[in-house]
Amino acid sequence: MKYILICIYLLLTLSGLTLMKKGGNSGKIKFNKEELSFSMSPISALGFVCYLCSFLLFTRIVIMFDLSYIMPIVTGIVQVLTLVVANRFFKEKIDGKAIIGLCCIIVGIFIMNM
């Protein structure tokens, strides 16, 4: 069950980041005399909700595992998957530095699991 929660967390995190990027805006906050208004595109709002849910789920995951173990592994996986999503969906270029960083993250995850 613990690992299913991690997979759901990863899915929500990547969905949130992808949808916020696809929505194209981070939200607009306006201050008037007596009111505060906030607007966001529907796609960005859905991404925000996914990302918020992933954060809430991550607080549960942190309780279930040792923090020094789970934090580097999960954030490393998020970084690797974000690079893949950025390349596939947004056609962002992956240069040599990104590949070296990616390899370092993957090697680090394997070393931590030994």
N, C-alpha and C. Protein backbone atom coordinates (compact mmCIF):
# COMPACT_ATOMS: atom_id res chain seq x y z
N MET A 1 0.82 -1.21 0.00
CA MET A 1 0.00 0.00 0.00
C MET A 1 0.86 1.26 0.00
N LYS A 2 1.98 1.20 0.75
CA LYS A 2 2.85 2.37 0.82
C LYS A 2 3.38 2.76 -0.57
N TYR A 3 3.71 1.76 -1.36
CA TYR A 3 4.30 2.04 -2.67
C TYR A 3 3.24 2.50 -3.67
N ILE A 4 2.01 2.07 -3.48
CA ILE A 4 0.92 2.56 -4.31
C ILE A 4 0.71 4.05 -4.05
N LEU A 5 0.81 4.46 -2.77
CA LEU A 5 0.69 5.88 -2.43
C LEU A 5 1.79 6.70 -3.09
N ILE A 6 2.99 6.15 -3.15
CA ILE A 6 4.10 6.85 -3.80
C ILE A 6 3.80 7.01 -5.29
N CYS A 7 3.28 5.98 -5.93
CA CYS A 7 2.94 6.07 -7.36
C CYS A 7 1.85 7.11 -7.60
N ILE A 8 0.85 7.14 -6.72
CA ILE A 8 -0.20 8.15 -6.84
C ILE A 8 0.38 9.54 -6.64
N TYR A 9 1.29 9.67 -5.67
CA TYR A 9 1.95 10.96 -5.43
C TYR A 9 2.70 11.41 -6.69
N LEU A 10 3.46 10.51 -7.29
CA LEU A 10 4.21 10.85 -8.49
C LEU A 10 3.28 11.27 -9.62
N LEU A 11 2.19 10.54 -9.79
CA LEU A 11 1.23 10.87 -10.83
C LEU A 11 0.60 12.25 -10.60
N LEU A 12 0.20 12.52 -9.37
CA LEU A 12 -0.39 13.82 -9.05
C LEU A 12 0.61 14.96 -9.22
N THR A 13 1.84 14.75 -8.78
CA THR A 13 2.87 15.78 -8.91
C THR A 13 3.14 16.11 -10.38
N LEU A 14 3.36 15.08 -11.17
CA LEU A 14 3.64 15.30 -12.59
C LEU A 14 2.44 15.88 -13.32
N SER A 15 1.24 15.41 -12.98
CA SER A 15 0.03 15.97 -13.59
C SER A 15 -0.11 17.44 -13.23
N GLY A 16 0.12 17.75 -11.96
CA GLY A 16 0.01 19.14 -11.52
C GLY A 16 0.98 20.05 -12.24
N LEU A 17 2.23 19.64 -12.31
CA LEU A 17 3.24 20.45 -12.98
C LEU A 17 2.92 20.60 -14.47
N THR A 18 2.53 19.50 -15.11
CA THR A 18 2.24 19.53 -16.53
C THR A 18 1.03 20.42 -16.84
N LEU A 19 -0.03 20.26 -16.06
CA LEU A 19 -1.23 21.06 -16.31
C LEU A 19 -1.01 22.54 -16.01
N MET A 20 -0.24 22.86 -14.97
CA MET A 20 0.04 24.27 -14.70
C MET A 20 0.86 24.89 -15.83
N LYS A 21 1.81 24.13 -16.34
CA LYS A 21 2.61 24.62 -17.46
C LYS A 21 1.74 24.77 -18.71
N LYS A 22 0.90 23.78 -18.97
CA LYS A 22 0.02 23.82 -20.15
C LYS A 22 -1.00 24.95 -20.04
N GLY A 23 -1.48 25.21 -18.81
CA GLY A 23 -2.45 26.29 -18.60
C GLY A 23 -1.89 27.66 -18.91
N GLY A 24 -0.59 27.79 -18.80
CA GLY A 24 0.08 28.98 -19.26
C GLY A 24 0.06 30.20 -18.36
N ASN A 25 -0.58 30.12 -17.20
CA ASN A 25 -0.51 31.27 -16.30
C ASN A 25 -0.46 30.79 -14.86
N SER A 26 0.11 31.60 -14.03
CA SER A 26 0.26 31.23 -12.63
C SER A 26 -0.84 31.83 -11.78
N GLY A 27 -1.75 32.53 -12.40
CA GLY A 27 -2.84 33.17 -11.66
C GLY A 27 -2.58 34.65 -11.53
N LYS A 28 -3.64 35.40 -11.47
CA LYS A 28 -3.53 36.85 -11.33
C LYS A 28 -4.24 37.26 -10.06
N ILE A 29 -3.55 38.01 -9.26
CA ILE A 29 -4.12 38.50 -8.02
C ILE A 29 -4.34 40.00 -8.17
N LYS A 30 -5.54 40.46 -7.87
CA LYS A 30 -5.86 41.89 -7.95
C LYS A 30 -6.38 42.36 -6.60
N PHE A 31 -5.87 43.49 -6.19
CA PHE A 31 -6.33 44.13 -4.96
C PHE A 31 -7.15 45.36 -5.32
N ASN A 32 -8.39 45.39 -4.90
CA ASN A 32 -9.22 46.58 -5.04
C ASN A 32 -9.41 47.17 -3.65
N LYS A 33 -10.19 48.22 -3.55
CA LYS A 33 -10.39 48.86 -2.25
C LYS A 33 -10.83 47.88 -1.17
N GLU A 34 -11.85 47.11 -1.48
CA GLU A 34 -12.42 46.25 -0.44
C GLU A 34 -12.41 44.77 -0.78
N GLU A 35 -11.81 44.41 -1.89
CA GLU A 35 -11.83 42.99 -2.22
C GLU A 35 -10.53 42.54 -2.85
N LEU A 36 -10.35 41.27 -2.75
CA LEU A 36 -9.20 40.60 -3.33
C LEU A 36 -9.73 39.60 -4.32
N SER A 37 -9.23 39.60 -5.54
CA SER A 37 -9.67 38.63 -6.53
C SER A 37 -8.48 37.85 -7.08
N PHE A 38 -8.76 36.63 -7.42
CA PHE A 38 -7.73 35.73 -7.94
C PHE A 38 -8.32 35.00 -9.13
N SER A 39 -7.62 35.01 -10.26
CA SER A 39 -8.11 34.30 -11.44
C SER A 39 -7.02 33.40 -11.99
N MET A 40 -7.46 32.28 -12.55
CA MET A 40 -6.54 31.30 -13.09
C MET A 40 -7.27 30.54 -14.18
N SER A 41 -6.57 30.12 -15.22
CA SER A 41 -7.21 29.34 -16.28
C SER A 41 -7.67 28.00 -15.70
N PRO A 42 -8.70 27.40 -16.28
CA PRO A 42 -9.20 26.11 -15.77
C PRO A 42 -8.14 25.01 -15.78
N ILE A 43 -7.31 24.99 -16.80
CA ILE A 43 -6.26 23.96 -16.87
C ILE A 43 -5.24 24.19 -15.76
N SER A 44 -4.83 25.43 -15.57
CA SER A 44 -3.90 25.74 -14.48
C SER A 44 -4.52 25.43 -13.12
N ALA A 45 -5.81 25.71 -12.97
CA ALA A 45 -6.50 25.44 -11.71
C ALA A 45 -6.52 23.94 -11.42
N LEU A 46 -6.77 23.12 -12.44
CA LEU A 46 -6.75 21.67 -12.27
C LEU A 46 -5.35 21.21 -11.88
N GLY A 47 -4.34 21.79 -12.52
CA GLY A 47 -2.96 21.47 -12.16
C GLY A 47 -2.64 21.85 -10.72
N PHE A 48 -3.14 23.00 -10.31
CA PHE A 48 -2.94 23.46 -8.93
C PHE A 48 -3.58 22.49 -7.95
N VAL A 49 -4.79 22.03 -8.25
CA VAL A 49 -5.48 21.07 -7.38
C VAL A 49 -4.70 19.75 -7.31
N CYS A 50 -4.22 19.27 -8.46
CA CYS A 50 -3.41 18.04 -8.47
C CYS A 50 -2.16 18.20 -7.62
N TYR A 51 -1.50 19.34 -7.77
CA TYR A 51 -0.26 19.58 -7.04
C TYR A 51 -0.53 19.72 -5.54
N LEU A 52 -1.63 20.36 -5.18
CA LEU A 52 -2.01 20.47 -3.78
C LEU A 52 -2.31 19.09 -3.19
N CYS A 53 -3.02 18.26 -3.93
CA CYS A 53 -3.31 16.90 -3.47
C CYS A 53 -2.02 16.09 -3.32
N SER A 54 -1.08 16.28 -4.23
CA SER A 54 0.19 15.57 -4.12
C SER A 54 0.95 16.00 -2.87
N PHE A 55 0.88 17.28 -2.54
CA PHE A 55 1.54 17.76 -1.32
C PHE A 55 0.89 17.12 -0.09
N LEU A 56 -0.42 17.08 -0.05
CA LEU A 56 -1.11 16.48 1.09
C LEU A 56 -0.79 14.99 1.20
N LEU A 57 -0.72 14.31 0.08
CA LEU A 57 -0.36 12.90 0.09
C LEU A 57 1.08 12.71 0.54
N PHE A 58 1.96 13.62 0.12
CA PHE A 58 3.36 13.51 0.51
C PHE A 58 3.54 13.64 2.03
N THR A 59 2.71 14.45 2.65
CA THR A 59 2.81 14.55 4.12
C THR A 59 2.51 13.20 4.77
N ARG A 60 1.62 12.43 4.18
CA ARG A 60 1.33 11.08 4.69
C ARG A 60 2.49 10.13 4.39
N ILE A 61 3.07 10.23 3.21
CA ILE A 61 4.19 9.37 2.83
C ILE A 61 5.38 9.59 3.74
N VAL A 62 5.64 10.84 4.10
CA VAL A 62 6.76 11.17 4.98
C VAL A 62 6.60 10.48 6.33
N ILE A 63 5.39 10.38 6.80
CA ILE A 63 5.13 9.72 8.08
C ILE A 63 5.38 8.21 7.99
N MET A 64 5.12 7.63 6.82
CA MET A 64 5.22 6.18 6.66
C MET A 64 6.65 5.67 6.47
N PHE A 65 7.57 6.53 6.03
CA PHE A 65 8.94 6.13 5.74
C PHE A 65 9.91 6.98 6.57
N ASP A 66 11.16 6.56 6.60
CA ASP A 66 12.21 7.40 7.18
C ASP A 66 12.43 8.59 6.25
N LEU A 67 12.44 9.77 6.80
CA LEU A 67 12.56 10.99 5.99
C LEU A 67 13.86 11.01 5.20
N SER A 68 14.96 10.61 5.81
CA SER A 68 16.26 10.64 5.13
C SER A 68 16.32 9.62 3.99
N TYR A 69 15.41 8.67 3.99
CA TYR A 69 15.36 7.67 2.94
C TYR A 69 14.42 8.10 1.81
N ILE A 70 13.21 8.49 2.17
CA ILE A 70 12.17 8.71 1.16
C ILE A 70 12.33 10.04 0.41
N MET A 71 12.76 11.07 1.10
CA MET A 71 12.84 12.40 0.47
C MET A 71 13.78 12.42 -0.74
N PRO A 72 15.02 11.95 -0.61
CA PRO A 72 15.90 11.99 -1.79
C PRO A 72 15.42 11.08 -2.92
N ILE A 73 14.86 9.95 -2.57
CA ILE A 73 14.44 9.01 -3.61
C ILE A 73 13.25 9.57 -4.38
N VAL A 74 12.23 10.01 -3.67
CA VAL A 74 11.02 10.50 -4.34
C VAL A 74 11.31 11.78 -5.12
N THR A 75 12.05 12.70 -4.54
CA THR A 75 12.35 13.93 -5.27
C THR A 75 13.25 13.65 -6.48
N GLY A 76 14.14 12.68 -6.36
CA GLY A 76 14.96 12.29 -7.51
C GLY A 76 14.12 11.73 -8.64
N ILE A 77 13.17 10.87 -8.28
CA ILE A 77 12.28 10.30 -9.29
C ILE A 77 11.44 11.40 -9.94
N VAL A 78 10.96 12.34 -9.15
CA VAL A 78 10.18 13.46 -9.70
C VAL A 78 11.04 14.26 -10.68
N GLN A 79 12.29 14.50 -10.34
CA GLN A 79 13.17 15.26 -11.24
C GLN A 79 13.38 14.53 -12.56
N VAL A 80 13.62 13.24 -12.49
CA VAL A 80 13.84 12.45 -13.71
C VAL A 80 12.57 12.45 -14.57
N LEU A 81 11.43 12.18 -13.96
CA LEU A 81 10.18 12.12 -14.72
C LEU A 81 9.79 13.49 -15.27
N THR A 82 10.08 14.55 -14.54
CA THR A 82 9.79 15.90 -15.02
C THR A 82 10.61 16.21 -16.27
N LEU A 83 11.85 15.79 -16.29
CA LEU A 83 12.69 15.99 -17.46
C LEU A 83 12.11 15.25 -18.67
N VAL A 84 11.64 14.03 -18.46
CA VAL A 84 11.05 13.25 -19.54
C VAL A 84 9.76 13.91 -20.03
N VAL A 85 8.89 14.31 -19.11
CA VAL A 85 7.63 14.97 -19.48
C VAL A 85 7.89 16.27 -20.23
N ALA A 86 8.84 17.06 -19.75
CA ALA A 86 9.16 18.33 -20.41
C ALA A 86 9.63 18.10 -21.84
N ASN A 87 10.40 17.04 -22.04
CA ASN A 87 10.89 16.73 -23.37
C ASN A 87 9.78 16.21 -24.27
N ARG A 88 8.96 15.32 -23.77
CA ARG A 88 7.91 14.69 -24.58
C ARG A 88 6.74 15.62 -24.89
N PHE A 89 6.23 16.31 -23.87
CA PHE A 89 5.01 17.10 -24.06
C PHE A 89 5.27 18.54 -24.47
N PHE A 90 6.39 19.11 -24.02
CA PHE A 90 6.64 20.52 -24.30
C PHE A 90 7.83 20.73 -25.24
N LYS A 91 8.38 19.64 -25.72
CA LYS A 91 9.49 19.68 -26.69
C LYS A 91 10.68 20.48 -26.18
N GLU A 92 10.89 20.46 -24.87
CA GLU A 92 12.06 21.13 -24.30
C GLU A 92 13.30 20.29 -24.60
N LYS A 93 14.39 20.97 -24.90
CA LYS A 93 15.63 20.29 -25.26
C LYS A 93 16.33 19.74 -24.02
N ILE A 94 16.93 18.57 -24.17
CA ILE A 94 17.74 17.98 -23.12
C ILE A 94 19.19 18.06 -23.59
N ASP A 95 19.99 18.85 -22.88
CA ASP A 95 21.38 19.01 -23.29
C ASP A 95 22.29 18.06 -22.48
N GLY A 96 23.57 18.16 -22.72
CA GLY A 96 24.54 17.29 -22.06
C GLY A 96 24.55 17.43 -20.56
N LYS A 97 24.40 18.65 -20.06
CA LYS A 97 24.37 18.87 -18.62
C LYS A 97 23.17 18.18 -17.98
N ALA A 98 22.04 18.21 -18.66
CA ALA A 98 20.83 17.56 -18.14
C ALA A 98 21.03 16.05 -18.09
N ILE A 99 21.66 15.49 -19.12
CA ILE A 99 21.92 14.04 -19.14
C ILE A 99 22.86 13.66 -18.01
N ILE A 100 23.92 14.45 -17.79
CA ILE A 100 24.86 14.16 -16.69
C ILE A 100 24.13 14.24 -15.35
N GLY A 101 23.32 15.28 -15.17
CA GLY A 101 22.56 15.42 -13.93
C GLY A 101 21.59 14.26 -13.74
N LEU A 102 20.94 13.86 -14.82
CA LEU A 102 20.01 12.74 -14.78
C LEU A 102 20.73 11.46 -14.35
N CYS A 103 21.89 11.22 -14.92
CA CYS A 103 22.68 10.04 -14.56
C CYS A 103 23.10 10.09 -13.09
N CYS A 104 23.50 11.24 -12.62
CA CYS A 104 23.88 11.38 -11.20
C CYS A 104 22.71 11.07 -10.28
N ILE A 105 21.52 11.55 -10.64
CA ILE A 105 20.33 11.28 -9.83
C ILE A 105 20.03 9.79 -9.81
N ILE A 106 20.06 9.15 -10.97
CA ILE A 106 19.75 7.72 -11.05
C ILE A 106 20.77 6.90 -10.27
N VAL A 107 22.05 7.21 -10.43
CA VAL A 107 23.10 6.50 -9.68
C VAL A 107 22.91 6.72 -8.18
N GLY A 108 22.59 7.94 -7.79
CA GLY A 108 22.37 8.24 -6.37
C GLY A 108 21.21 7.46 -5.80
N ILE A 109 20.13 7.30 -6.55
CA ILE A 109 18.98 6.53 -6.09
C ILE A 109 19.38 5.07 -5.91
N PHE A 110 20.13 4.53 -6.86
CA PHE A 110 20.57 3.14 -6.72
C PHE A 110 21.50 2.95 -5.53
N ILE A 111 22.41 3.88 -5.32
CA ILE A 111 23.34 3.77 -4.19
C ILE A 111 22.58 3.82 -2.88
N MET A 112 21.57 4.69 -2.78
CA MET A 112 20.79 4.78 -1.55
C MET A 112 20.02 3.50 -1.25
N ASN A 113 19.67 2.75 -2.29
CA ASN A 113 18.89 1.54 -2.09
C ASN A 113 19.74 0.30 -1.85
N MET A 114 21.05 0.43 -1.91
CA MET A 114 21.93 -0.71 -1.65
C MET A 114 22.04 -0.98 -0.17
